[in-house]
Amino acid sequence: MAFKGDISGPEAAAWLVDIGKARKEYIGRPWHALVDMREMAVVGPEAQESFIKGQVAAREDGMVRACVILSSAVATLQAIRRAKESGIYKYERYIDGRQRADWQAAAMAWLEQGLDPDKP
């Protein structure tokens, strides 16, 4: 998945409905998600709530691991904080694509092998 620009609370809520329909195809089968948010603006509280609900639901539907690529240290730290608060950090990692040149390799190692990009 890739997100660009601003996303409002209602747009994020609509995404939550759409992604729920798409996930039905994967229920009962393990799967991974790579999410590119490098070109996305700051996510407001309403949109954050929808994203967290989507992440929790994805996990319930069979998502094994996910990796989100962001474009700033602030956005990355905020995402990690939200993930820890919601309990999804166990399954989801966040990488600042501007600070880490090997972000693609790190993301795939997390998704395919469970190699934590947050650990040296």
N, C-alpha and C. Protein backbone atom coordinates (compact mmCIF):
# COMPACT_ATOMS: atom_id res chain seq x y z
N MET A 1 0.84 -1.16 0.00
CA MET A 1 0.00 0.00 0.00
C MET A 1 0.89 1.23 0.00
N ALA A 2 0.41 2.27 -0.62
CA ALA A 2 1.13 3.54 -0.62
C ALA A 2 0.14 4.67 -0.37
N PHE A 3 0.55 5.61 0.46
CA PHE A 3 -0.27 6.78 0.77
C PHE A 3 0.51 8.01 0.39
N LYS A 4 -0.20 9.03 -0.11
CA LYS A 4 0.43 10.29 -0.50
C LYS A 4 -0.43 11.45 -0.03
N GLY A 5 0.23 12.56 0.30
CA GLY A 5 -0.48 13.79 0.63
C GLY A 5 -1.20 13.73 1.96
N ASP A 6 -2.21 14.58 2.07
CA ASP A 6 -3.01 14.66 3.29
C ASP A 6 -4.09 13.60 3.27
N ILE A 7 -4.49 13.17 4.46
CA ILE A 7 -5.63 12.27 4.57
C ILE A 7 -6.46 12.74 5.75
N SER A 8 -7.71 12.99 5.49
CA SER A 8 -8.62 13.49 6.53
C SER A 8 -9.18 12.31 7.32
N GLY A 9 -9.83 12.63 8.42
CA GLY A 9 -10.48 11.59 9.21
C GLY A 9 -11.51 10.80 8.40
N PRO A 10 -12.41 11.49 7.65
CA PRO A 10 -13.39 10.76 6.84
C PRO A 10 -12.73 9.91 5.73
N GLU A 11 -11.65 10.41 5.14
CA GLU A 11 -10.94 9.63 4.11
C GLU A 11 -10.31 8.38 4.72
N ALA A 12 -9.75 8.51 5.91
CA ALA A 12 -9.17 7.36 6.59
C ALA A 12 -10.25 6.35 6.97
N ALA A 13 -11.41 6.85 7.38
CA ALA A 13 -12.53 5.95 7.72
C ALA A 13 -12.99 5.19 6.47
N ALA A 14 -13.03 5.86 5.33
CA ALA A 14 -13.39 5.20 4.07
C ALA A 14 -12.35 4.17 3.70
N TRP A 15 -11.06 4.49 3.91
CA TRP A 15 -9.98 3.52 3.68
C TRP A 15 -10.19 2.29 4.54
N LEU A 16 -10.57 2.49 5.80
CA LEU A 16 -10.78 1.38 6.72
C LEU A 16 -11.84 0.42 6.18
N VAL A 17 -12.90 0.96 5.63
CA VAL A 17 -13.96 0.13 5.04
C VAL A 17 -13.42 -0.61 3.81
N ASP A 18 -12.73 0.10 2.93
CA ASP A 18 -12.20 -0.51 1.71
C ASP A 18 -11.18 -1.60 2.01
N ILE A 19 -10.27 -1.34 2.94
CA ILE A 19 -9.24 -2.33 3.25
C ILE A 19 -9.86 -3.55 3.94
N GLY A 20 -10.95 -3.32 4.67
CA GLY A 20 -11.66 -4.44 5.29
C GLY A 20 -12.20 -5.39 4.23
N LYS A 21 -12.71 -4.84 3.15
CA LYS A 21 -13.21 -5.67 2.05
C LYS A 21 -12.07 -6.44 1.38
N ALA A 22 -10.95 -5.77 1.19
CA ALA A 22 -9.80 -6.40 0.53
C ALA A 22 -9.20 -7.50 1.40
N ARG A 23 -9.19 -7.31 2.72
CA ARG A 23 -8.60 -8.31 3.62
C ARG A 23 -9.36 -9.63 3.59
N LYS A 24 -10.62 -9.60 3.28
CA LYS A 24 -11.42 -10.83 3.29
C LYS A 24 -10.80 -11.91 2.41
N GLU A 25 -10.11 -11.48 1.37
CA GLU A 25 -9.45 -12.42 0.45
C GLU A 25 -8.35 -13.23 1.15
N TYR A 26 -7.80 -12.66 2.21
CA TYR A 26 -6.66 -13.28 2.88
C TYR A 26 -6.99 -13.98 4.19
N ILE A 27 -8.23 -13.89 4.66
CA ILE A 27 -8.60 -14.48 5.94
C ILE A 27 -8.26 -15.97 5.93
N GLY A 28 -7.59 -16.38 7.00
CA GLY A 28 -7.21 -17.79 7.14
C GLY A 28 -5.86 -18.13 6.54
N ARG A 29 -5.25 -17.19 5.83
CA ARG A 29 -3.92 -17.40 5.24
C ARG A 29 -2.97 -16.36 5.81
N PRO A 30 -1.76 -16.76 6.16
CA PRO A 30 -0.81 -15.76 6.66
C PRO A 30 -0.36 -14.83 5.54
N TRP A 31 -0.18 -13.55 5.87
CA TRP A 31 0.26 -12.57 4.89
C TRP A 31 1.01 -11.44 5.60
N HIS A 32 1.73 -10.68 4.81
CA HIS A 32 2.53 -9.55 5.31
C HIS A 32 2.12 -8.29 4.54
N ALA A 33 2.42 -7.14 5.14
CA ALA A 33 2.08 -5.87 4.49
C ALA A 33 3.28 -4.92 4.51
N LEU A 34 3.54 -4.31 3.37
CA LEU A 34 4.54 -3.25 3.26
C LEU A 34 3.78 -1.98 2.90
N VAL A 35 3.92 -0.96 3.75
CA VAL A 35 3.16 0.27 3.58
C VAL A 35 4.14 1.43 3.38
N ASP A 36 4.00 2.12 2.27
CA ASP A 36 4.86 3.25 1.95
C ASP A 36 4.11 4.55 2.25
N MET A 37 4.57 5.25 3.28
CA MET A 37 3.95 6.52 3.67
C MET A 37 4.96 7.67 3.55
N ARG A 38 5.99 7.48 2.72
CA ARG A 38 7.04 8.49 2.60
C ARG A 38 6.52 9.81 2.03
N GLU A 39 5.47 9.76 1.23
CA GLU A 39 4.94 10.98 0.62
C GLU A 39 3.65 11.44 1.28
N MET A 40 3.42 10.97 2.47
CA MET A 40 2.20 11.34 3.17
C MET A 40 2.48 12.48 4.14
N ALA A 41 1.52 13.37 4.28
CA ALA A 41 1.63 14.47 5.23
C ALA A 41 1.41 13.93 6.64
N VAL A 42 1.50 14.80 7.61
CA VAL A 42 1.26 14.42 9.00
C VAL A 42 -0.17 13.88 9.13
N VAL A 43 -0.32 12.80 9.88
CA VAL A 43 -1.61 12.16 10.06
C VAL A 43 -2.28 12.73 11.31
N GLY A 44 -3.47 13.26 11.13
CA GLY A 44 -4.22 13.83 12.25
C GLY A 44 -4.80 12.76 13.15
N PRO A 45 -5.30 13.15 14.32
CA PRO A 45 -5.83 12.19 15.30
C PRO A 45 -6.95 11.30 14.77
N GLU A 46 -7.90 11.87 14.01
CA GLU A 46 -9.00 11.06 13.48
C GLU A 46 -8.50 10.00 12.52
N ALA A 47 -7.59 10.39 11.63
CA ALA A 47 -7.03 9.43 10.67
C ALA A 47 -6.20 8.38 11.39
N GLN A 48 -5.45 8.79 12.42
CA GLN A 48 -4.64 7.84 13.18
C GLN A 48 -5.51 6.76 13.79
N GLU A 49 -6.66 7.15 14.29
CA GLU A 49 -7.58 6.19 14.90
C GLU A 49 -8.02 5.13 13.88
N SER A 50 -8.34 5.55 12.67
CA SER A 50 -8.74 4.60 11.63
C SER A 50 -7.57 3.68 11.25
N PHE A 51 -6.37 4.25 11.15
CA PHE A 51 -5.20 3.42 10.81
C PHE A 51 -4.95 2.36 11.88
N ILE A 52 -5.07 2.74 13.14
CA ILE A 52 -4.85 1.77 14.22
C ILE A 52 -5.91 0.67 14.17
N LYS A 53 -7.16 1.06 13.95
CA LYS A 53 -8.23 0.05 13.83
C LYS A 53 -7.94 -0.89 12.68
N GLY A 54 -7.48 -0.34 11.55
CA GLY A 54 -7.14 -1.17 10.40
C GLY A 54 -6.00 -2.13 10.69
N GLN A 55 -5.00 -1.66 11.43
CA GLN A 55 -3.85 -2.50 11.77
C GLN A 55 -4.28 -3.65 12.69
N VAL A 56 -5.09 -3.34 13.68
CA VAL A 56 -5.57 -4.37 14.61
C VAL A 56 -6.42 -5.39 13.85
N ALA A 57 -7.32 -4.91 12.99
CA ALA A 57 -8.18 -5.82 12.22
C ALA A 57 -7.35 -6.68 11.27
N ALA A 58 -6.33 -6.10 10.66
CA ALA A 58 -5.47 -6.86 9.75
C ALA A 58 -4.80 -8.01 10.50
N ARG A 59 -4.34 -7.73 11.68
CA ARG A 59 -3.70 -8.77 12.49
C ARG A 59 -4.69 -9.88 12.79
N GLU A 60 -5.90 -9.51 13.13
CA GLU A 60 -6.95 -10.50 13.42
C GLU A 60 -7.27 -11.34 12.19
N ASP A 61 -7.11 -10.75 11.00
CA ASP A 61 -7.43 -11.45 9.76
C ASP A 61 -6.27 -12.28 9.21
N GLY A 62 -5.15 -12.34 9.90
CA GLY A 62 -4.06 -13.20 9.46
C GLY A 62 -2.75 -12.52 9.11
N MET A 63 -2.68 -11.20 9.24
CA MET A 63 -1.41 -10.53 8.95
C MET A 63 -0.37 -10.99 9.96
N VAL A 64 0.76 -11.46 9.46
CA VAL A 64 1.83 -11.92 10.33
C VAL A 64 2.68 -10.74 10.78
N ARG A 65 3.17 -9.96 9.82
CA ARG A 65 4.00 -8.79 10.12
C ARG A 65 3.71 -7.71 9.09
N ALA A 66 4.00 -6.46 9.49
CA ALA A 66 3.89 -5.32 8.59
C ALA A 66 5.08 -4.40 8.82
N CYS A 67 5.41 -3.66 7.78
CA CYS A 67 6.47 -2.66 7.88
C CYS A 67 5.99 -1.40 7.18
N VAL A 68 6.12 -0.28 7.88
CA VAL A 68 5.68 1.01 7.36
C VAL A 68 6.92 1.87 7.14
N ILE A 69 7.04 2.43 5.95
CA ILE A 69 8.16 3.30 5.61
C ILE A 69 7.67 4.74 5.67
N LEU A 70 8.36 5.55 6.45
CA LEU A 70 7.99 6.96 6.64
C LEU A 70 9.11 7.85 6.13
N SER A 71 8.93 9.17 6.25
CA SER A 71 9.94 10.07 5.69
C SER A 71 10.49 11.08 6.68
N SER A 72 10.27 10.83 7.96
CA SER A 72 10.86 11.74 8.94
C SER A 72 11.00 11.02 10.28
N ALA A 73 11.95 11.51 11.05
CA ALA A 73 12.18 10.94 12.38
C ALA A 73 10.96 11.16 13.27
N VAL A 74 10.35 12.33 13.18
CA VAL A 74 9.19 12.65 14.02
C VAL A 74 8.03 11.70 13.69
N ALA A 75 7.72 11.54 12.42
CA ALA A 75 6.62 10.64 12.03
C ALA A 75 6.92 9.21 12.46
N THR A 76 8.16 8.78 12.33
CA THR A 76 8.55 7.42 12.71
C THR A 76 8.37 7.22 14.22
N LEU A 77 8.85 8.17 15.02
CA LEU A 77 8.71 8.05 16.47
C LEU A 77 7.25 8.09 16.90
N GLN A 78 6.43 8.92 16.25
CA GLN A 78 5.00 8.96 16.56
C GLN A 78 4.34 7.63 16.23
N ALA A 79 4.69 7.05 15.09
CA ALA A 79 4.11 5.77 14.68
C ALA A 79 4.51 4.66 15.66
N ILE A 80 5.75 4.66 16.07
CA ILE A 80 6.21 3.65 17.03
C ILE A 80 5.45 3.80 18.35
N ARG A 81 5.29 5.03 18.81
CA ARG A 81 4.55 5.27 20.05
C ARG A 81 3.12 4.75 19.95
N ARG A 82 2.43 5.08 18.84
CA ARG A 82 1.06 4.60 18.63
C ARG A 82 1.01 3.08 18.59
N ALA A 83 1.98 2.48 17.94
CA ALA A 83 2.00 1.01 17.82
C ALA A 83 2.19 0.36 19.18
N LYS A 84 3.05 0.93 19.99
CA LYS A 84 3.26 0.37 21.33
C LYS A 84 2.02 0.55 22.19
N GLU A 85 1.37 1.71 22.09
CA GLU A 85 0.15 1.97 22.86
C GLU A 85 -0.99 1.03 22.46
N SER A 86 -1.09 0.72 21.18
CA SER A 86 -2.19 -0.11 20.69
C SER A 86 -1.88 -1.61 20.74
N GLY A 87 -0.62 -1.95 21.01
CA GLY A 87 -0.24 -3.36 21.09
C GLY A 87 0.17 -3.99 19.77
N ILE A 88 0.22 -3.22 18.69
CA ILE A 88 0.58 -3.80 17.40
C ILE A 88 2.08 -3.76 17.12
N TYR A 89 2.85 -3.13 18.00
CA TYR A 89 4.30 -3.04 17.78
C TYR A 89 4.94 -4.43 17.71
N LYS A 90 4.34 -5.39 18.37
CA LYS A 90 4.88 -6.75 18.34
C LYS A 90 4.95 -7.29 16.90
N TYR A 91 4.09 -6.79 16.03
CA TYR A 91 3.97 -7.30 14.67
C TYR A 91 4.34 -6.29 13.58
N GLU A 92 4.51 -5.04 13.97
CA GLU A 92 4.69 -4.00 12.97
C GLU A 92 5.93 -3.16 13.29
N ARG A 93 6.69 -2.84 12.25
CA ARG A 93 7.87 -2.00 12.41
C ARG A 93 7.77 -0.78 11.51
N TYR A 94 8.49 0.27 11.90
CA TYR A 94 8.45 1.56 11.22
C TYR A 94 9.88 1.96 10.91
N ILE A 95 10.12 2.34 9.68
CA ILE A 95 11.46 2.72 9.24
C ILE A 95 11.40 4.11 8.62
N ASP A 96 12.34 4.96 9.03
CA ASP A 96 12.47 6.28 8.43
C ASP A 96 13.28 6.11 7.15
N GLY A 97 12.60 6.17 6.02
CA GLY A 97 13.23 5.95 4.72
C GLY A 97 14.27 6.99 4.34
N ARG A 98 14.21 8.16 4.94
CA ARG A 98 15.21 9.19 4.64
C ARG A 98 16.49 8.97 5.44
N GLN A 99 16.37 8.34 6.58
CA GLN A 99 17.54 8.11 7.43
C GLN A 99 18.21 6.77 7.18
N ARG A 100 17.51 5.87 6.52
CA ARG A 100 18.03 4.52 6.33
C ARG A 100 18.04 4.17 4.85
N ALA A 101 19.22 4.18 4.24
CA ALA A 101 19.35 3.92 2.81
C ALA A 101 18.91 2.50 2.44
N ASP A 102 19.06 1.56 3.35
CA ASP A 102 18.70 0.17 3.08
C ASP A 102 17.28 -0.17 3.54
N TRP A 103 16.38 0.81 3.51
CA TRP A 103 15.05 0.59 4.06
C TRP A 103 14.32 -0.57 3.40
N GLN A 104 14.49 -0.74 2.10
CA GLN A 104 13.79 -1.85 1.42
C GLN A 104 14.29 -3.21 1.91
N ALA A 105 15.60 -3.36 2.00
CA ALA A 105 16.17 -4.64 2.48
C ALA A 105 15.78 -4.89 3.93
N ALA A 106 15.81 -3.84 4.75
CA ALA A 106 15.43 -3.98 6.16
C ALA A 106 13.95 -4.37 6.29
N ALA A 107 13.10 -3.74 5.48
CA ALA A 107 11.67 -4.06 5.52
C ALA A 107 11.42 -5.51 5.09
N MET A 108 12.05 -5.93 4.02
CA MET A 108 11.84 -7.30 3.55
C MET A 108 12.40 -8.33 4.53
N ALA A 109 13.52 -8.02 5.18
CA ALA A 109 14.08 -8.94 6.18
C ALA A 109 13.11 -9.09 7.35
N TRP A 110 12.46 -8.00 7.74
CA TRP A 110 11.46 -8.07 8.80
C TRP A 110 10.26 -8.89 8.35
N LEU A 111 9.75 -8.61 7.16
CA LEU A 111 8.56 -9.29 6.68
C LEU A 111 8.80 -10.78 6.43
N GLU A 112 9.87 -11.10 5.78
CA GLU A 112 10.12 -12.49 5.37
C GLU A 112 10.79 -13.35 6.44
N GLN A 113 11.65 -12.73 7.24
CA GLN A 113 12.44 -13.54 8.20
C GLN A 113 12.24 -13.15 9.66
N GLY A 114 11.52 -12.06 9.89
CA GLY A 114 11.33 -11.60 11.26
C GLY A 114 12.54 -10.94 11.86
N LEU A 115 13.49 -10.48 11.02
CA LEU A 115 14.69 -9.80 11.52
C LEU A 115 14.31 -8.36 11.85
N ASP A 116 14.34 -8.02 13.10
CA ASP A 116 13.86 -6.74 13.60
C ASP A 116 14.77 -5.59 13.16
N PRO A 117 14.25 -4.64 12.37
CA PRO A 117 15.07 -3.50 11.94
C PRO A 117 15.39 -2.53 13.07
N ASP A 118 14.72 -2.66 14.22
CA ASP A 118 14.98 -1.79 15.36
C ASP A 118 16.13 -2.28 16.23
N LYS A 119 16.63 -3.46 15.92
CA LYS A 119 17.74 -4.03 16.70
C LYS A 119 19.00 -4.06 15.86
N PRO A 120 20.12 -3.68 16.48
CA PRO A 120 21.40 -3.65 15.69
C PRO A 120 21.85 -5.03 15.25
